[in-house]
Amino acid sequence: MPKKPKPKNKIPSKVWTKYSLKENKLEKKNTCPKCGPGNFLGIHHNRVYCGKCKYTEMKLK
């Protein structure tokens, strides 16, 4: 019988980085103003971007 392959180490989800705790309340960070609180904005080096509605905010240097 062949040997079973060794399982790869899985990277844990980083969804917890999208939330902050303020005064015992959990708040979402960087939500889209057009789509509402259900969608997060992707953070890039010069902009924040919503993948659903294509909303973009450019960061100033």
C-alpha atoms as a PDB file:
ATOM      1  CA  MET A   1       0.000   0.000   0.000  1.00  0.00           C
ATOM      2  CA  PRO A   2       1.260   3.479  -0.759  1.00  0.00           C
ATOM      3  CA  LYS A   3       1.889   5.828   2.116  1.00  0.00           C
ATOM      4  CA  LYS A   4      -0.579   8.603   2.757  1.00  0.00           C
ATOM      5  CA  PRO A   5       0.739  12.059   1.854  1.00  0.00           C
ATOM      6  CA  LYS A   6       1.635  14.290   4.759  1.00  0.00           C
ATOM      7  CA  PRO A   7      -0.999  17.027   5.276  1.00  0.00           C
ATOM      8  CA  LYS A   8       0.153  20.549   4.479  1.00  0.00           C
ATOM      9  CA  ASN A   9       0.111  23.218   7.150  1.00  0.00           C
ATOM     10  CA  LYS A  10      -2.975  25.338   6.631  1.00  0.00           C
ATOM     11  CA  ILE A  11      -2.810  29.095   7.050  1.00  0.00           C
ATOM     12  CA  PRO A  12      -5.506  30.264   9.490  1.00  0.00           C
ATOM     13  CA  SER A  13      -8.065  32.814   8.359  1.00  0.00           C
ATOM     14  CA  LYS A  14      -7.311  36.447   9.173  1.00  0.00           C
ATOM     15  CA  VAL A  15     -10.930  37.600   9.339  1.00  0.00           C
ATOM     16  CA  TRP A  16     -10.360  38.669  12.965  1.00  0.00           C
ATOM     17  CA  THR A  17      -8.070  41.477  11.673  1.00  0.00           C
ATOM     18  CA  LYS A  18     -11.103  43.120  10.014  1.00  0.00           C
ATOM     19  CA  TYR A  19     -12.750  43.844  13.388  1.00  0.00           C
ATOM     20  CA  SER A  20     -11.884  46.088  16.327  1.00  0.00           C
ATOM     21  CA  LEU A  21     -13.072  46.081  19.927  1.00  0.00           C
ATOM     22  CA  LYS A  22     -14.229  49.434  21.327  1.00  0.00           C
ATOM     23  CA  GLU A  23     -15.942  49.760  24.707  1.00  0.00           C
ATOM     24  CA  ASN A  24     -16.977  46.068  24.739  1.00  0.00           C
ATOM     25  CA  LYS A  25     -18.519  46.379  21.255  1.00  0.00           C
ATOM     26  CA  LEU A  26     -17.252  44.662  18.137  1.00  0.00           C
ATOM     27  CA  GLU A  27     -16.945  47.042  15.161  1.00  0.00           C
ATOM     28  CA  LYS A  28     -16.070  46.289  11.543  1.00  0.00           C
ATOM     29  CA  LYS A  29     -13.130  48.138  10.007  1.00  0.00           C
ATOM     30  CA  ASN A  30     -13.110  49.574   6.470  1.00  0.00           C
ATOM     31  CA  THR A  31     -16.618  48.811   5.237  1.00  0.00           C
ATOM     32  CA  CYS A  32     -17.876  50.040   1.875  1.00  0.00           C
ATOM     33  CA  PRO A  33     -20.032  53.203   2.122  1.00  0.00           C
ATOM     34  CA  LYS A  34     -22.048  52.209  -0.985  1.00  0.00           C
ATOM     35  CA  CYS A  35     -22.608  48.490  -0.290  1.00  0.00           C
ATOM     36  CA  GLY A  36     -23.077  48.794   3.451  1.00  0.00           C
ATOM     37  CA  PRO A  37     -21.555  47.065   6.463  1.00  0.00           C
ATOM     38  CA  GLY A  38     -21.552  43.588   4.896  1.00  0.00           C
ATOM     39  CA  ASN A  39     -18.609  44.236   2.555  1.00  0.00           C
ATOM     40  CA  PHE A  40     -15.032  45.015   3.506  1.00  0.00           C
ATOM     41  CA  LEU A  41     -12.678  47.241   1.540  1.00  0.00           C
ATOM     42  CA  GLY A  42      -9.444  45.736   0.246  1.00  0.00           C
ATOM     43  CA  ILE A  43      -6.389  47.658   1.434  1.00  0.00           C
ATOM     44  CA  HIS A  44      -3.670  48.255  -1.176  1.00  0.00           C
ATOM     45  CA  HIS A  45      -0.524  50.380  -0.998  1.00  0.00           C
ATOM     46  CA  ASN A  46      -2.124  53.472  -2.585  1.00  0.00           C
ATOM     47  CA  ARG A  47      -5.888  52.880  -2.346  1.00  0.00           C
ATOM     48  CA  VAL A  48      -8.771  51.079  -0.653  1.00  0.00           C
ATOM     49  CA  TYR A  49     -11.079  49.175  -2.998  1.00  0.00           C
ATOM     50  CA  CYS A  50     -14.461  47.432  -2.917  1.00  0.00           C
ATOM     51  CA  GLY A  51     -14.522  44.348  -5.149  1.00  0.00           C
ATOM     52  CA  LYS A  52     -18.310  44.266  -5.379  1.00  0.00           C
ATOM     53  CA  CYS A  53     -19.243  47.776  -6.539  1.00  0.00           C
ATOM     54  CA  LYS A  54     -15.741  48.969  -7.650  1.00  0.00           C
ATOM     55  CA  TYR A  55     -15.707  51.847  -5.147  1.00  0.00           C
ATOM     56  CA  THR A  56     -12.151  53.252  -4.792  1.00  0.00           C
ATOM     57  CA  GLU A  57     -10.573  55.720  -2.378  1.00  0.00           C
ATOM     58  CA  MET A  58      -7.082  56.919  -3.281  1.00  0.00           C
ATOM     59  CA  LYS A  59      -4.600  57.569  -0.457  1.00  0.00           C
ATOM     60  CA  LEU A  60      -2.621  60.789  -0.532  1.00  0.00           C
ATOM     61  CA  LYS A  61       1.121  60.692   0.049  1.00  0.00           C
END
